[in-house]
Structures are given as structure tokens and as C-alpha cells.
């Protein structure tokens, strides 16, 4: 897909991966519509030309406003980036139900709600791309992130199903699975903290700019799945071929043991 003059709607666009995606798509000549909770941050990221919708994406009314204001301004939506998400570093067996439901509302149901709102316009256009930002944790379950992994597995499965449902309508779907990205994500989780050994692995993190570049290239090339960094594919291969070995390695990280 050539992105010049295409209309791109990005959720969770006020900082981190979402803000960098806004910069990257703008650099390709795209027109932007951005939504997140912080109006001030959105205005800083979007500048004078972007459509801005501030509010909690878990609210159906905010989702409706984001889509309707984009269509009113630009007349179409070519790309939807479902990027908004939140983490939960609490063992599944004692995680507060309210936190779990809040995470699922944003990570899964908000993405579904946004997709349901944009699909009618894309069907009418006979074209569109929907990008759902999952995670490496949506490919391999991480024990320090069990319920987050579950939400991202669900998002990835939903993406695969809708790809088959809507391919004949000209709508393409891409799943993006980032690994560790240097953002404020870990500081903004609903509860808990990652294992100490995981903090020490931050040297392997990619920047949000690198992640955004991978997202843009995935859209341009019509990729089904984008894993960034690509070494994440090795983890998936290991989990497929040697599940017990990978499970034990993950357990050792979770319990803070030497490898």
C-alpha cells in the first residue's frame, strides 16, 4: 500500500509506540486521526492537521466519536492501528478480577469495538488495513504476564479469524508482535512489576521508533504478521519444537533463578 494521502486512525497515540507510529505515517504523507486519554499529549503529537479524540477507549462513546470525526474530516479510513493496551504483572491465580476485566476491555474489546466501527466504511471502499498490536507475549505465554499473554493471544486469534471473514471485501489484517520496547509501558501497568531478571534484559529492547518503522513497513508490504525484533521468531520456534525446555527457561526467569 502506498501511504501518501491515506487516512490512518491510531489508538493509544499520545506516547510510546502510538506516538512514533503517528510520526512514521506522517513521514509517509498519511493523514492522521489520533485517540488516547490525554488531550495535551495528543495535540503535541498530532500537530495542527490531525483529527484528535481524547478519552478512555474503553468507553464506546469515545470509540464512536473517534471514528465519526475521522470520517467527517477525511471521508474515509484506510488504516486502523489498534495500538492501545495495558499490562498486568500479577499471577493469574490471585489477580483482582476488576483489573483483569479492565485489561481485557482495553486490550481486546476496545480493539474489537474500533474494528466493528471502521469495517462498514472499509467494505464500502472495498479496501482497508487493520493492524492489531499484539505482543511476543501473544505468541509465547510469559509466566510473569500470564493474563496479559491471554489477552494478546485472543487478539491475535481474533485478527486471524477476521482476516478470513473480510478478505473478499478487500480488507487486510496485520498482527504486530513487538518484544521488549523502551517505553513507559512497564511503569503504567495496572498492578505488579516484572521479575528483576527481566529488568536486566532491557539492553535487548528496541526503541518505539524501530517498532513504528516495522508497523509501517508491514502495512506497506501487506504483511500478515510482523515480529519485531525478528529474533522473536526464534523464541516462537523454540516454543514449538522444545516446549518443555522453553517453559523451564521461562520459569527460571519468573522465579529469579540463574539460567
Protein backbone atom coordinates (compact mmCIF):
# COMPACT_ATOMS: atom_id res chain seq x y z
CA UNK A 1 0.00 0.00 0.00
CA UNK A 2 1.19 3.48 -0.87
CA UNK A 3 0.55 5.63 2.19
CA UNK A 4 0.58 9.14 0.75
CA UNK A 5 -2.80 10.79 1.43
CA UNK A 6 -4.13 7.65 3.11
CA UNK A 7 -6.14 8.20 6.31
CA UNK A 8 -4.66 6.42 9.32
CA UNK A 9 -6.50 6.16 12.66
CA UNK A 10 -4.21 5.26 15.59
CA UNK A 11 -5.32 4.40 19.11
CA UNK A 12 -3.07 4.89 22.13
CA UNK A 13 -1.36 7.61 20.12
CA UNK A 14 -0.29 10.02 22.86
CA UNK A 15 3.09 8.41 23.60
CA UNK A 16 5.27 5.36 23.06
CA UNK A 17 4.64 3.15 20.05
CA UNK A 18 1.45 5.01 19.10
CA UNK A 19 3.10 8.43 19.01
CA UNK A 20 6.02 7.06 17.00
CA UNK A 21 3.58 5.43 14.58
CA UNK A 22 1.96 8.84 14.10
CA UNK A 23 5.35 10.34 13.22
CA UNK A 24 6.20 7.44 10.90
CA UNK A 25 2.92 7.52 8.99
CA UNK A 26 3.06 11.31 8.77
CA UNK A 27 6.51 10.94 7.26
CA UNK A 28 4.96 8.78 4.52
CA UNK A 29 2.45 11.53 3.73
CA UNK A 30 -0.53 9.98 5.50
CA UNK A 31 -3.38 11.92 7.09
CA UNK A 32 -3.79 11.22 10.79
CA UNK A 33 -6.57 10.68 13.28
CA UNK A 34 -5.33 10.08 16.82
CA UNK A 35 -7.04 8.97 20.01
CA UNK A 36 -5.86 8.48 23.61
CA UNK A 37 -6.79 9.80 27.04
CA UNK A 38 -4.52 12.86 27.16
CA UNK A 39 -5.68 15.80 25.04
CA UNK A 40 -2.46 17.74 25.71
CA UNK A 41 -0.21 14.89 24.57
CA UNK A 42 -2.36 14.17 21.52
CA UNK A 43 -2.19 17.80 20.40
CA UNK A 44 1.58 17.73 20.77
CA UNK A 45 1.87 14.53 18.73
CA UNK A 46 -0.75 15.36 16.11
CA UNK A 47 0.02 19.00 15.39
CA UNK A 48 -2.47 21.22 13.61
CA UNK A 49 -3.63 18.79 10.92
CA UNK A 50 -4.54 15.61 12.81
CA UNK A 51 -8.03 14.75 13.99
CA UNK A 52 -7.86 14.48 17.78
CA UNK A 53 -10.21 12.47 20.00
CA UNK A 54 -9.36 12.48 23.71
CA UNK A 55 -10.99 9.97 26.04
CA UNK A 56 -10.92 6.48 27.50
CA UNK A 57 -11.12 3.99 24.66
CA UNK A 58 -12.95 1.53 26.91
CA UNK A 59 -15.95 3.89 26.55
CA UNK A 60 -17.99 3.01 23.43
CA UNK A 61 -18.90 6.68 23.00
CA UNK A 62 -15.23 7.66 22.72
CA UNK A 63 -14.70 4.98 20.09
CA UNK A 64 -17.72 6.19 18.15
CA UNK A 65 -16.52 9.81 18.27
CA UNK A 66 -13.05 8.81 17.07
CA UNK A 67 -14.41 7.05 14.00
CA UNK A 68 -17.16 9.53 13.18
CA UNK A 69 -14.90 12.57 13.49
CA UNK A 70 -12.36 10.90 11.19
CA UNK A 71 -14.99 10.17 8.55
CA UNK A 72 -16.41 13.68 8.86
CA UNK A 73 -12.97 15.22 8.32
CA UNK A 74 -11.44 12.93 5.71
CA UNK A 75 -14.38 10.98 4.26
CA UNK A 76 -12.65 7.61 4.63
CA UNK A 77 -10.45 5.45 6.84
CA UNK A 78 -7.73 3.48 5.08
CA UNK A 79 -5.74 2.12 8.03
CA UNK A 80 -6.74 1.41 11.63
CA UNK A 81 -3.92 0.82 14.12
CA UNK A 82 -5.33 -0.80 17.28
CA UNK A 83 -2.36 0.03 19.48
CA UNK A 84 -3.89 0.95 22.86
CA UNK A 85 -3.16 -1.57 25.58
CA UNK A 86 -2.18 -2.07 29.20
CA UNK A 87 -0.33 -4.72 31.20
CA UNK A 88 -0.84 -6.62 34.45
CA UNK A 89 2.11 -8.16 36.31
CA UNK A 90 0.10 -10.19 38.83
CA UNK A 91 -0.09 -14.02 38.98
CA UNK A 92 -3.30 -15.22 37.37
CA UNK A 93 -4.33 -17.21 40.45
CA UNK A 94 -4.61 -14.08 42.59
CA UNK A 95 -5.16 -11.26 40.10
CA UNK A 96 -8.01 -8.89 41.10
CA UNK A 97 -10.96 -9.53 38.83
CA UNK A 98 -11.55 -5.81 38.34
CA UNK A 99 -8.01 -5.36 36.98
CA UNK A 100 -8.34 -8.39 34.70
CA UNK A 101 -11.61 -7.11 33.27
CA UNK A 102 -10.15 -3.63 32.79
CA UNK A 103 -7.19 -5.06 30.88
CA UNK A 104 -9.41 -7.20 28.66
CA UNK A 105 -11.71 -4.23 28.00
CA UNK A 106 -8.80 -2.25 26.56
CA UNK A 107 -6.58 -4.94 25.04
CA UNK A 108 -9.36 -6.93 23.37
CA UNK A 109 -12.80 -5.39 23.46
CA UNK A 110 -11.71 -1.85 22.55
CA UNK A 111 -9.86 -3.24 19.53
CA UNK A 112 -12.94 -5.25 18.56
CA UNK A 113 -15.17 -2.21 19.02
CA UNK A 114 -12.95 0.00 16.86
CA UNK A 115 -12.81 -2.68 14.18
CA UNK A 116 -16.58 -3.06 14.11
CA UNK A 117 -16.94 0.69 13.67
CA UNK A 118 -14.47 1.05 10.77
CA UNK A 119 -15.33 -2.10 8.82
CA UNK A 120 -18.55 -0.72 7.24
CA UNK A 121 -16.62 2.21 5.74
CA UNK A 122 -13.82 -0.08 4.55
CA UNK A 123 -16.33 -2.50 3.00
CA UNK A 124 -17.86 0.40 1.11
CA UNK A 125 -14.39 1.43 -0.09
CA UNK A 126 -13.58 -2.21 -0.91
CA UNK A 127 -10.21 -1.57 0.72
CA UNK A 128 -8.60 -1.09 4.12
CA UNK A 129 -5.96 -2.37 6.51
CA UNK A 130 -6.50 -3.16 10.19
CA UNK A 131 -3.39 -3.57 12.33
CA UNK A 132 -3.75 -5.14 15.76
CA UNK A 133 -0.74 -4.65 18.01
CA UNK A 134 -0.36 -7.88 19.94
CA UNK A 135 2.96 -8.87 21.54
CA UNK A 136 5.64 -11.53 21.72
CA UNK A 137 3.51 -12.49 24.74
CA UNK A 138 0.74 -13.24 22.21
CA UNK A 139 3.00 -15.85 20.59
CA UNK A 140 4.63 -17.40 23.67
CA UNK A 141 2.99 -17.27 27.10
CA UNK A 142 5.14 -15.41 29.63
CA UNK A 143 4.53 -16.58 33.22
CA UNK A 144 5.12 -13.11 34.69
CA UNK A 145 2.50 -11.86 32.26
CA UNK A 146 0.03 -14.76 32.09
CA UNK A 147 -3.22 -12.81 31.77
CA UNK A 148 -1.68 -10.17 29.51
CA UNK A 149 -0.48 -13.04 27.32
CA UNK A 150 -4.02 -14.43 27.29
CA UNK A 151 -5.40 -11.08 26.11
CA UNK A 152 -2.81 -10.84 23.35
CA UNK A 153 -3.32 -14.45 22.24
CA UNK A 154 -7.04 -13.66 21.99
CA UNK A 155 -6.33 -10.52 19.96
CA UNK A 156 -4.11 -12.48 17.58
CA UNK A 157 -6.72 -15.21 17.14
CA UNK A 158 -9.44 -12.62 16.53
CA UNK A 159 -7.23 -10.99 13.90
CA UNK A 160 -6.70 -14.30 12.11
CA UNK A 161 -10.43 -15.01 12.07
CA UNK A 162 -11.44 -11.58 10.79
CA UNK A 163 -8.80 -11.85 8.07
CA UNK A 164 -10.71 -14.83 6.69
CA UNK A 165 -14.09 -13.19 7.22
CA UNK A 166 -13.25 -9.99 5.35
CA UNK A 167 -10.57 -10.80 2.77
CA UNK A 168 -13.13 -10.90 -0.05
CA UNK A 169 -14.22 -7.38 0.91
CA UNK A 170 -10.71 -6.06 0.26
CA UNK A 171 -9.85 -5.64 3.96
CA UNK A 172 -6.45 -6.88 5.09
CA UNK A 173 -5.32 -7.65 8.64
CA UNK A 174 -1.85 -7.48 10.17
CA UNK A 175 -0.80 -8.68 13.61
CA UNK A 176 2.21 -6.90 15.11
CA UNK A 177 4.11 -8.72 17.86
CA UNK A 178 6.74 -6.50 19.49
CA UNK A 179 9.17 -7.78 22.06
CA UNK A 180 10.56 -5.55 24.80
CA UNK A 181 10.13 -1.91 23.69
CA UNK A 182 11.72 1.00 25.57
CA UNK A 183 8.58 2.90 26.56
CA UNK A 184 6.77 3.74 29.78
CA UNK A 185 4.64 0.60 29.44
CA UNK A 186 6.13 -1.15 32.48
CA UNK A 187 5.54 1.91 34.67
CA UNK A 188 1.88 2.20 33.60
CA UNK A 189 0.67 -1.35 34.24
CA UNK A 190 -2.48 -1.86 36.29
CA UNK A 191 -0.65 -3.72 39.05
CA UNK A 192 2.52 -5.62 39.89
CA UNK A 193 6.03 -5.44 38.49
CA UNK A 194 8.12 -7.66 36.21
CA UNK A 195 10.77 -10.06 37.57
CA UNK A 196 14.12 -8.48 38.45
CA UNK A 197 15.87 -10.58 35.80
CA UNK A 198 13.56 -9.08 33.16
CA UNK A 199 14.64 -5.53 34.09
CA UNK A 200 18.24 -6.60 33.49
CA UNK A 201 17.30 -7.77 29.98
CA UNK A 202 16.32 -4.24 28.89
CA UNK A 203 19.57 -3.99 26.94
CA UNK A 204 17.87 -6.18 24.32
CA UNK A 205 14.95 -3.76 23.96
CA UNK A 206 14.10 -1.98 20.73
CA UNK A 207 13.06 1.66 20.55
CA UNK A 208 9.46 2.69 19.87
CA UNK A 209 10.73 4.30 16.66
CA UNK A 210 12.04 0.93 15.49
CA UNK A 211 8.73 -0.68 16.33
CA UNK A 212 6.80 2.01 14.47
CA UNK A 213 9.03 1.56 11.42
CA UNK A 214 8.21 -2.17 11.48
CA UNK A 215 4.49 -1.36 11.66
CA UNK A 216 4.67 0.99 8.68
CA UNK A 217 6.68 -1.46 6.60
CA UNK A 218 4.23 -4.20 7.48
CA UNK A 219 1.33 -2.09 6.19
CA UNK A 220 3.19 -1.10 3.04
CA UNK A 221 4.13 -4.69 2.25
CA UNK A 222 0.82 -6.26 3.22
CA UNK A 223 2.37 -8.46 5.90
CA UNK A 224 0.22 -10.97 7.73
CA UNK A 225 2.39 -10.95 10.87
CA UNK A 226 5.17 -8.60 11.95
CA UNK A 227 7.50 -9.74 14.73
CA UNK A 228 9.97 -7.13 15.94
CA UNK A 229 12.78 -7.66 16.61
CA UNK A 230 12.94 -10.61 14.25
CA UNK A 231 14.77 -12.72 16.80
CA UNK A 232 11.33 -13.17 18.37
CA UNK A 233 10.71 -15.77 15.68
CA UNK A 234 13.48 -17.85 17.29
CA UNK A 235 11.61 -17.85 20.59
CA UNK A 236 8.45 -18.98 18.82
CA UNK A 237 10.34 -21.73 17.00
CA UNK A 238 11.89 -22.88 20.27
CA UNK A 239 8.49 -22.93 21.97
CA UNK A 240 7.07 -25.00 19.09
CA UNK A 241 9.94 -27.50 18.88
CA UNK A 242 11.01 -27.70 22.53
CA UNK A 243 8.03 -26.57 24.64
CA UNK A 244 9.26 -28.13 27.90
CA UNK A 245 12.69 -26.57 27.57
CA UNK A 246 11.27 -23.11 26.91
CA UNK A 247 8.77 -23.48 29.76
CA UNK A 248 11.57 -24.26 32.20
CA UNK A 249 13.64 -21.33 30.96
CA UNK A 250 10.66 -19.01 31.44
CA UNK A 251 10.07 -20.42 34.92
CA UNK A 252 13.65 -19.66 35.90
CA UNK A 253 13.29 -16.05 34.76
CA UNK A 254 10.00 -15.78 36.64
CA UNK A 255 11.49 -17.12 39.87
CA UNK A 256 14.70 -15.10 39.50
CA UNK A 257 16.96 -18.13 39.12
CA UNK A 258 20.21 -18.31 37.15
CA UNK A 259 19.88 -19.85 33.73
